[in-house]
Amino acid sequence: MKFLIHETLRTLNTDDVFEFGLGEISKPSKDEDFYEAEVIFIKNGKVLTKGKTANLSEFSVVTSFITFIGIRLRAIAKDDSIEFDLYGLTMDQYIPLTKSIREIWDE
């Protein structure tokens, strides 16, 4: 599978390696104005989540992907006390989310 976005994140306090990717954005033949792309989330080579993200515009598909990955990474970091190596950035700088989603995860 080809990815428009593919990222690998290593952790600072475990040996875990996380990967996530967004496949090529396409138009399903059913609806000309509707775009979609495959989303994949992998931990240590094992696929945790594979699905589709869809929206009305290509840009919205990408922002939906960023939100999906941001939520997954924040949940893993919070629930499993994992620290990611974000190359000197904060989680908000690395994967920006809307203020309301960020507030939910910070609670």
Protein backbone atom coordinates (compact mmCIF):
# COMPACT_ATOMS: atom_id res chain seq x y z
CA MET A 1 0.00 0.00 0.00
CA LYS A 2 1.24 3.49 -0.85
CA PHE A 3 0.95 6.15 1.85
CA LEU A 4 0.58 9.89 1.49
CA ILE A 5 1.54 10.20 5.14
CA HIS A 6 3.62 7.57 6.96
CA GLU A 7 5.23 8.16 10.33
CA THR A 8 7.15 6.02 12.79
CA LEU A 9 7.26 6.97 16.47
CA ARG A 10 9.59 5.39 18.96
CA THR A 11 8.97 5.54 22.67
CA LEU A 12 11.39 6.85 25.28
CA ASN A 13 10.47 4.54 28.15
CA THR A 14 9.65 1.25 26.34
CA ASP A 15 10.81 -0.68 23.28
CA ASP A 16 7.50 -0.08 21.49
CA VAL A 17 7.44 1.32 17.97
CA PHE A 18 4.25 2.86 16.57
CA GLU A 19 3.54 3.53 12.92
CA PHE A 20 0.62 5.25 11.30
CA GLY A 21 -0.25 6.02 7.73
CA LEU A 22 -2.81 7.54 5.41
CA GLY A 23 -3.32 5.84 2.05
CA GLU A 24 -3.93 7.58 -1.22
CA ILE A 25 -7.05 9.74 -1.26
CA SER A 26 -9.59 8.57 -3.79
CA LYS A 27 -13.12 9.20 -4.98
CA PRO A 28 -15.43 6.22 -4.62
CA SER A 29 -17.40 5.68 -7.79
CA LYS A 30 -20.69 6.02 -5.90
CA ASP A 31 -20.38 9.72 -5.08
CA GLU A 32 -18.25 12.12 -7.10
CA ASP A 33 -17.91 14.73 -4.32
CA PHE A 34 -16.94 12.32 -1.55
CA TYR A 35 -13.28 11.45 -0.88
CA GLU A 36 -11.84 8.66 1.27
CA ALA A 37 -8.51 7.10 2.24
CA GLU A 38 -7.36 4.08 4.21
CA VAL A 39 -5.96 4.71 7.70
CA ILE A 40 -3.62 2.27 9.44
CA PHE A 41 -2.23 2.28 13.00
CA ILE A 42 0.50 -0.26 13.87
CA LYS A 43 2.25 -1.16 17.13
CA ASN A 44 5.43 -3.28 16.95
CA GLY A 45 4.56 -4.50 13.46
CA LYS A 46 1.02 -5.58 14.41
CA VAL A 47 -1.93 -3.71 12.91
CA LEU A 48 -4.06 -2.31 15.74
CA THR A 49 -6.50 -0.35 13.60
CA LYS A 50 -7.24 -0.34 9.90
CA GLY A 51 -10.14 1.55 8.45
CA LYS A 52 -11.29 4.34 6.21
CA THR A 53 -11.52 8.04 6.82
CA ALA A 54 -13.87 9.95 4.59
CA ASN A 55 -15.20 13.44 4.12
CA LEU A 56 -16.43 15.85 1.50
CA SER A 57 -13.03 17.27 0.56
CA GLU A 58 -9.49 15.93 0.24
CA PHE A 59 -8.31 18.35 2.93
CA SER A 60 -11.03 17.15 5.32
CA VAL A 61 -9.87 13.54 4.84
CA VAL A 62 -6.36 14.59 5.95
CA THR A 63 -7.63 16.56 8.96
CA SER A 64 -9.81 13.60 9.99
CA PHE A 65 -6.73 11.38 9.82
CA ILE A 66 -4.70 13.78 11.99
CA THR A 67 -7.49 13.88 14.56
CA PHE A 68 -7.84 10.07 14.54
CA ILE A 69 -4.10 9.53 15.08
CA GLY A 70 -3.88 12.30 17.67
CA ILE A 71 -6.66 10.75 19.72
CA ARG A 72 -5.08 7.26 19.51
CA LEU A 73 -1.62 8.50 20.52
CA ARG A 74 -2.94 10.60 23.40
CA ALA A 75 -4.99 7.66 24.68
CA ILE A 76 -2.00 5.32 24.54
CA ALA A 77 0.28 7.84 26.23
CA LYS A 78 -2.25 8.52 28.97
CA ASP A 79 -3.50 4.95 29.56
CA ASP A 80 -0.16 3.14 29.25
CA SER A 81 2.13 5.93 30.57
CA ILE A 82 4.15 5.82 27.36
CA GLU A 83 6.43 8.71 26.48
CA PHE A 84 6.93 9.31 22.77
CA ASP A 85 10.07 10.66 21.15
CA LEU A 86 8.53 13.63 19.34
CA TYR A 87 11.85 15.10 18.23
CA GLY A 88 11.71 17.92 20.79
CA LEU A 89 8.10 18.89 20.08
CA THR A 90 5.13 18.72 22.41
CA MET A 91 2.23 16.44 21.47
CA ASP A 92 0.18 19.52 20.47
CA GLN A 93 2.94 20.72 18.17
CA TYR A 94 3.56 17.27 16.69
CA ILE A 95 -0.10 16.39 16.05
CA PRO A 96 -2.32 19.45 16.35
CA LEU A 97 -5.90 18.89 17.48
CA THR A 98 -8.79 21.23 17.96
CA LYS A 99 -8.95 22.89 21.34
CA SER A 100 -12.06 20.97 22.39
CA ILE A 101 -10.50 17.55 21.67
CA ARG A 102 -7.28 18.57 23.46
CA GLU A 103 -9.28 19.66 26.53
CA ILE A 104 -11.11 16.30 26.64
CA TRP A 105 -7.82 14.35 26.71
CA ASP A 106 -6.20 16.68 29.24
CA GLU A 107 -8.97 16.04 31.78
